[in-house]
Amino acid sequence: MLKTSTLISIQGRLFDLLLRLIHKKSLLKKRFHYKKINRLIWSEPTRKIRSSFRVEKALVDGHAVFTLNHKHTAGQKTILYLHGGAYIDSFVKPHWNFMHTLIQQLDCVIITPDYPLAPENTFKETFTMLSEVYKELMETTNPDGIVMMGDSSGGGLALALAQLAAKEKWPQPKQIILLSPWLDISLSNPTIMDIDPSDNFLGADGLKMAGKAYAGGFPKDYYLLSPIYGELAGLAPVSLFIGSREILVADARKLKKRAGERGIIINYNEYPGMFHAWM
């Protein structure tokens, strides 16, 4: 579904202006060029989260997994939330604010892993850790009450993890929700160049550098790296939300078309004028 009636808020316009002023789309490329990755992180739940909810922290393969829940009642649904950050950054404060809103409005439990990041790690370490988290969740929670959700690179992770689950015959979640997902780390879709001038957030060159580090020499069309090339049959229902002004929309449209050709329906929502990860 193409959302044609969306009006960009004043807040959204101001944020887009800020992106232009700080040259946001070139920052990732500069970090790699000058070899100053300098993590953008808020790796522990914020004070707002801790004051509002019960926070539990566990370790899987030495990496933190946070469980966020109401202090006095158990949520009725569980969201496995995979954060974005181009596979090189951990949580940032807006992730925690977004999860705070989700718990308040949906009365849910959120499980969110601080998974291994490039360039110190590759996708292999990331999926080793996430597979353990996923299998344990499926063993302890009714899959019908589980939603898998991710934003940006976390959206790519969510779809790839669901594809891995289907391949390994692990249970599927109830549904999969992708927010501005990064579906192809090669960014080889030629229509990206048509969209690029309107994207003030993402720069293809920097993303390609991050994707190369995350791949660790593996072919970029491998489905765990670029789930757009993975099998779509057998997955839980997929909902995708994205803005028309982000370069990742090129592959979101491609995924929708590819799914349609295979008779698979994706709940596709594209919002005109909106930027990356606006939600």
Protein backbone atom coordinates (compact mmCIF):
# COMPACT_ATOMS: atom_id res chain seq x y z
CA MET A 1 0.00 0.00 0.00
CA LEU A 2 1.36 3.44 -0.92
CA LYS A 3 0.42 6.02 1.67
CA THR A 4 -0.47 9.04 -0.44
CA SER A 5 -2.09 11.21 2.21
CA THR A 6 0.85 11.54 4.60
CA LEU A 7 1.65 15.09 5.63
CA ILE A 8 5.19 15.73 6.82
CA SER A 9 5.09 17.35 10.24
CA ILE A 10 6.98 20.47 11.20
CA GLN A 11 9.13 18.26 13.40
CA GLY A 12 9.94 16.09 10.39
CA ARG A 13 10.85 19.10 8.24
CA LEU A 14 13.11 20.47 10.95
CA PHE A 15 14.82 17.11 11.35
CA ASP A 16 15.38 16.90 7.60
CA LEU A 17 16.91 20.39 7.68
CA LEU A 18 19.21 19.30 10.51
CA LEU A 19 20.35 16.31 8.43
CA ARG A 20 21.38 18.67 5.65
CA LEU A 21 23.13 21.10 7.97
CA ILE A 22 25.30 18.43 9.59
CA HIS A 23 25.92 16.63 6.27
CA LYS A 24 24.61 13.43 7.83
CA LYS A 25 24.81 11.33 4.66
CA SER A 26 28.59 11.78 4.40
CA LEU A 27 29.43 11.02 8.05
CA LEU A 28 29.61 7.23 7.75
CA LYS A 29 31.98 7.45 4.77
CA LYS A 30 34.21 9.88 6.68
CA ARG A 31 34.33 7.56 9.69
CA PHE A 32 35.71 4.76 7.52
CA HIS A 33 37.95 7.05 5.46
CA TYR A 34 39.67 8.45 8.53
CA LYS A 35 39.52 5.09 10.34
CA LYS A 36 37.64 6.64 13.21
CA ILE A 37 34.64 4.39 13.75
CA ASN A 38 34.01 5.93 17.21
CA ARG A 39 30.84 4.06 18.14
CA LEU A 40 27.55 5.91 18.17
CA ILE A 41 26.02 4.13 21.12
CA TRP A 42 23.70 4.31 24.06
CA SER A 43 24.31 0.69 24.91
CA GLU A 44 22.41 0.61 28.21
CA PRO A 45 18.69 1.39 28.66
CA THR A 46 18.05 5.04 29.41
CA ARG A 47 17.00 6.42 32.78
CA LYS A 48 13.52 6.89 31.30
CA ILE A 49 13.33 3.19 30.45
CA ARG A 50 14.62 2.10 33.85
CA SER A 51 12.22 4.35 35.74
CA SER A 52 9.22 3.17 33.72
CA PHE A 53 9.83 -0.55 33.28
CA ARG A 54 11.50 -3.60 34.71
CA VAL A 55 14.84 -4.17 32.98
CA GLU A 56 16.61 -7.52 32.97
CA LYS A 57 20.04 -8.08 31.44
CA ALA A 58 21.47 -11.42 30.36
CA LEU A 59 24.59 -12.36 28.42
CA VAL A 60 24.68 -14.54 25.32
CA ASP A 61 28.14 -15.20 23.88
CA GLY A 62 29.36 -12.29 25.98
CA HIS A 63 26.85 -9.81 24.54
CA ALA A 64 23.98 -8.22 26.40
CA VAL A 65 20.33 -9.11 25.83
CA PHE A 66 17.84 -6.77 27.50
CA THR A 67 14.30 -7.70 28.46
CA LEU A 68 11.99 -4.73 29.04
CA ASN A 69 8.61 -5.21 30.68
CA HIS A 70 6.04 -3.46 32.84
CA LYS A 71 7.08 -3.51 36.48
CA HIS A 72 3.93 -5.13 37.87
CA THR A 73 2.23 -6.87 34.94
CA ALA A 74 3.41 -9.23 32.23
CA GLY A 75 3.00 -8.03 28.65
CA GLN A 76 0.65 -9.98 26.42
CA LYS A 77 2.97 -9.98 23.40
CA THR A 78 6.72 -10.21 22.94
CA ILE A 79 8.72 -8.18 20.43
CA LEU A 80 12.19 -9.32 19.48
CA TYR A 81 13.64 -5.95 18.48
CA LEU A 82 16.83 -5.74 16.39
CA HIS A 83 18.31 -2.25 16.34
CA GLY A 84 19.79 -0.52 13.32
CA GLY A 85 23.17 1.15 13.01
CA ALA A 86 24.70 -0.02 9.69
CA TYR A 87 26.04 -3.12 11.48
CA ILE A 88 28.74 -0.98 13.14
CA ASP A 89 26.76 0.95 15.79
CA SER A 90 24.81 -0.21 18.81
CA PHE A 91 21.65 1.35 20.24
CA VAL A 92 21.20 5.10 20.11
CA LYS A 93 18.86 7.04 22.36
CA PRO A 94 15.97 7.16 19.80
CA HIS A 95 15.91 3.35 19.84
CA TRP A 96 15.18 3.36 23.57
CA ASN A 97 12.58 6.13 23.17
CA PHE A 98 10.86 4.10 20.43
CA MET A 99 10.84 0.94 22.52
CA HIS A 100 9.44 2.93 25.45
CA THR A 101 6.54 4.00 23.24
CA LEU A 102 5.97 0.45 22.00
CA ILE A 103 5.70 -0.95 25.51
CA GLN A 104 3.37 1.82 26.63
CA GLN A 105 1.02 1.55 23.66
CA LEU A 106 1.10 -2.18 23.01
CA ASP A 107 1.44 -3.60 26.52
CA CYS A 108 4.26 -5.81 25.28
CA VAL A 109 7.54 -7.28 26.42
CA ILE A 110 10.59 -6.30 24.37
CA ILE A 111 13.66 -8.47 24.08
CA THR A 112 16.50 -6.60 22.39
CA PRO A 113 20.03 -7.94 21.89
CA ASP A 114 23.20 -5.85 21.69
CA TYR A 115 24.59 -8.10 18.98
CA PRO A 116 28.23 -8.30 17.70
CA LEU A 117 29.23 -5.44 15.42
CA ALA A 118 31.62 -4.91 12.51
CA PRO A 119 34.46 -4.33 11.89
CA GLU A 120 35.59 -6.39 14.92
CA ASN A 121 33.03 -9.06 13.99
CA THR A 122 31.31 -10.25 10.83
CA PHE A 123 27.79 -11.50 10.18
CA LYS A 124 28.91 -14.97 11.29
CA GLU A 125 29.36 -13.90 14.91
CA THR A 126 26.20 -11.82 14.74
CA PHE A 127 24.06 -14.75 13.60
CA THR A 128 25.68 -17.17 16.02
CA MET A 129 24.53 -14.94 18.87
CA LEU A 130 21.11 -14.07 17.41
CA SER A 131 20.36 -17.72 16.63
CA GLU A 132 20.86 -18.60 20.30
CA VAL A 133 18.62 -15.72 21.38
CA TYR A 134 15.93 -16.71 18.87
CA LYS A 135 15.92 -20.42 19.67
CA GLU A 136 15.74 -19.80 23.40
CA LEU A 137 12.88 -17.35 22.89
CA MET A 138 10.96 -19.84 20.79
CA GLU A 139 11.47 -22.55 23.41
CA THR A 140 10.20 -20.38 26.27
CA THR A 141 7.48 -18.31 24.58
CA ASN A 142 4.50 -19.24 22.41
CA PRO A 143 5.51 -18.26 18.84
CA ASP A 144 1.96 -16.97 18.27
CA GLY A 145 2.73 -14.17 20.70
CA ILE A 146 6.07 -13.16 19.17
CA VAL A 147 6.71 -10.32 16.73
CA MET A 148 10.12 -9.90 15.12
CA MET A 149 10.90 -6.27 14.39
CA GLY A 150 13.93 -4.34 13.22
CA ASP A 151 14.91 -0.98 11.82
CA SER A 152 17.44 -0.25 9.05
CA SER A 153 20.22 -2.86 9.28
CA GLY A 154 18.15 -4.41 12.07
CA GLY A 155 15.33 -4.78 9.55
CA GLY A 156 17.67 -6.68 7.26
CA LEU A 157 18.70 -8.82 10.23
CA ALA A 158 15.08 -9.54 11.12
CA LEU A 159 14.22 -10.77 7.64
CA ALA A 160 17.44 -12.80 7.34
CA LEU A 161 16.90 -14.36 10.78
CA ALA A 162 13.38 -15.38 9.78
CA GLN A 163 14.76 -16.90 6.57
CA LEU A 164 17.37 -18.80 8.58
CA ALA A 165 14.63 -20.04 10.91
CA ALA A 166 12.61 -21.30 7.95
CA LYS A 167 15.66 -23.04 6.51
CA GLU A 168 16.48 -24.69 9.85
CA LYS A 169 12.80 -25.52 10.45
CA TRP A 170 12.63 -23.47 13.64
CA PRO A 171 9.21 -21.96 14.44
CA GLN A 172 8.32 -18.68 12.76
CA PRO A 173 7.16 -15.69 14.79
CA LYS A 174 3.58 -14.49 14.48
CA GLN A 175 4.68 -11.66 12.23
CA ILE A 176 7.72 -9.79 10.94
CA ILE A 177 7.83 -5.98 10.91
CA LEU A 178 10.53 -4.21 8.91
CA LEU A 179 11.17 -0.49 9.44
CA SER A 180 13.23 1.14 6.67
CA PRO A 181 15.07 -2.16 6.18
CA TRP A 182 18.51 -2.47 4.57
CA LEU A 183 17.87 -5.46 2.32
CA ASP A 184 20.93 -5.57 0.05
CA ILE A 185 24.34 -4.57 1.40
CA SER A 186 25.73 -4.22 -2.14
CA LEU A 187 23.40 -1.27 -2.89
CA SER A 188 23.72 -2.28 -6.53
CA ASN A 189 20.14 -1.40 -7.48
CA PRO A 190 20.53 1.22 -10.25
CA THR A 191 17.46 3.18 -9.15
CA ILE A 192 19.28 4.10 -5.94
CA MET A 193 21.10 6.81 -7.87
CA ASP A 194 17.76 8.38 -8.85
CA ILE A 195 16.66 8.56 -5.21
CA ASP A 196 20.03 9.57 -3.75
CA PRO A 197 19.66 13.37 -4.25
CA SER A 198 16.53 13.41 -2.06
CA ASP A 199 18.07 11.35 0.78
CA ASN A 200 19.74 13.59 3.36
CA PHE A 201 20.29 10.74 5.81
CA LEU A 202 21.97 7.81 4.06
CA GLY A 203 25.02 7.86 1.80
CA ALA A 204 25.56 4.81 -0.40
CA ASP A 205 29.37 4.99 -0.26
CA GLY A 206 29.51 4.84 3.54
CA LEU A 207 26.94 2.06 3.69
CA LYS A 208 28.93 0.01 1.17
CA MET A 209 32.01 0.34 3.40
CA ALA A 210 30.04 -0.81 6.43
CA GLY A 211 28.51 -3.68 4.48
CA LYS A 212 31.93 -4.82 3.26
CA ALA A 213 33.26 -4.89 6.83
CA TYR A 214 30.20 -6.83 8.02
CA ALA A 215 30.48 -9.37 5.17
CA GLY A 216 34.08 -10.23 5.98
CA GLY A 217 34.86 -11.32 2.43
CA PHE A 218 31.65 -13.34 1.95
CA PRO A 219 29.62 -12.77 -1.26
CA LYS A 220 27.33 -9.81 -0.77
CA ASP A 221 24.35 -11.63 -2.30
CA TYR A 222 24.39 -14.29 0.44
CA TYR A 223 20.95 -14.20 2.02
CA LEU A 224 22.15 -13.64 5.59
CA LEU A 225 23.86 -10.47 4.35
CA SER A 226 21.28 -9.40 1.77
CA PRO A 227 17.94 -11.07 2.57
CA ILE A 228 16.36 -9.71 -0.60
CA TYR A 229 18.04 -12.70 -2.29
CA GLY A 230 16.74 -15.19 0.29
CA GLU A 231 13.71 -17.46 0.17
CA LEU A 232 10.43 -15.70 0.94
CA ALA A 233 8.17 -18.74 1.06
CA GLY A 234 7.43 -20.17 4.47
CA LEU A 235 7.93 -16.92 6.37
CA ALA A 236 5.53 -15.33 8.82
CA PRO A 237 3.49 -12.42 7.40
CA VAL A 238 5.74 -9.47 6.61
CA SER A 239 4.87 -5.80 7.06
CA LEU A 240 7.26 -3.19 5.71
CA PHE A 241 7.27 0.55 6.44
CA ILE A 242 9.56 2.96 4.59
CA GLY A 243 9.85 6.54 3.31
CA SER A 244 10.01 7.54 -0.34
CA ARG A 245 13.07 9.75 0.16
CA GLU A 246 15.46 7.09 1.42
CA ILE A 247 17.74 5.16 -0.91
CA LEU A 248 16.71 1.89 0.73
CA VAL A 249 13.24 2.25 -0.76
CA ALA A 250 14.65 1.05 -4.09
CA ASP A 251 15.20 -2.44 -2.69
CA ALA A 252 12.01 -2.32 -0.60
CA ARG A 253 10.07 -1.88 -3.85
CA LYS A 254 12.14 -4.66 -5.42
CA LEU A 255 11.30 -6.98 -2.53
CA LYS A 256 7.60 -6.20 -2.88
CA LYS A 257 7.75 -6.95 -6.61
CA ARG A 258 9.75 -10.13 -6.10
CA ALA A 259 7.30 -11.35 -3.46
CA GLY A 260 4.33 -10.57 -5.72
CA GLU A 261 5.84 -12.58 -8.56
CA ARG A 262 5.93 -15.56 -6.19
CA GLY A 263 2.38 -15.05 -4.98
CA ILE A 264 3.52 -13.82 -1.57
CA ILE A 265 1.77 -10.78 -0.15
CA ILE A 266 3.76 -8.19 1.79
CA ASN A 267 1.91 -5.53 3.75
CA TYR A 268 3.87 -2.75 2.08
CA ASN A 269 3.61 0.83 3.35
CA GLU A 270 5.56 3.60 1.64
CA TYR A 271 5.19 7.14 2.92
CA PRO A 272 5.81 9.98 0.44
CA GLY A 273 8.33 12.58 1.51
CA MET A 274 9.54 10.68 4.57
CA PHE A 275 13.21 10.03 5.37
CA HIS A 276 15.09 7.02 6.70
CA ALA A 277 13.83 5.45 9.92
CA TRP A 278 11.38 8.32 10.42
CA MET A 279 9.13 6.13 12.50
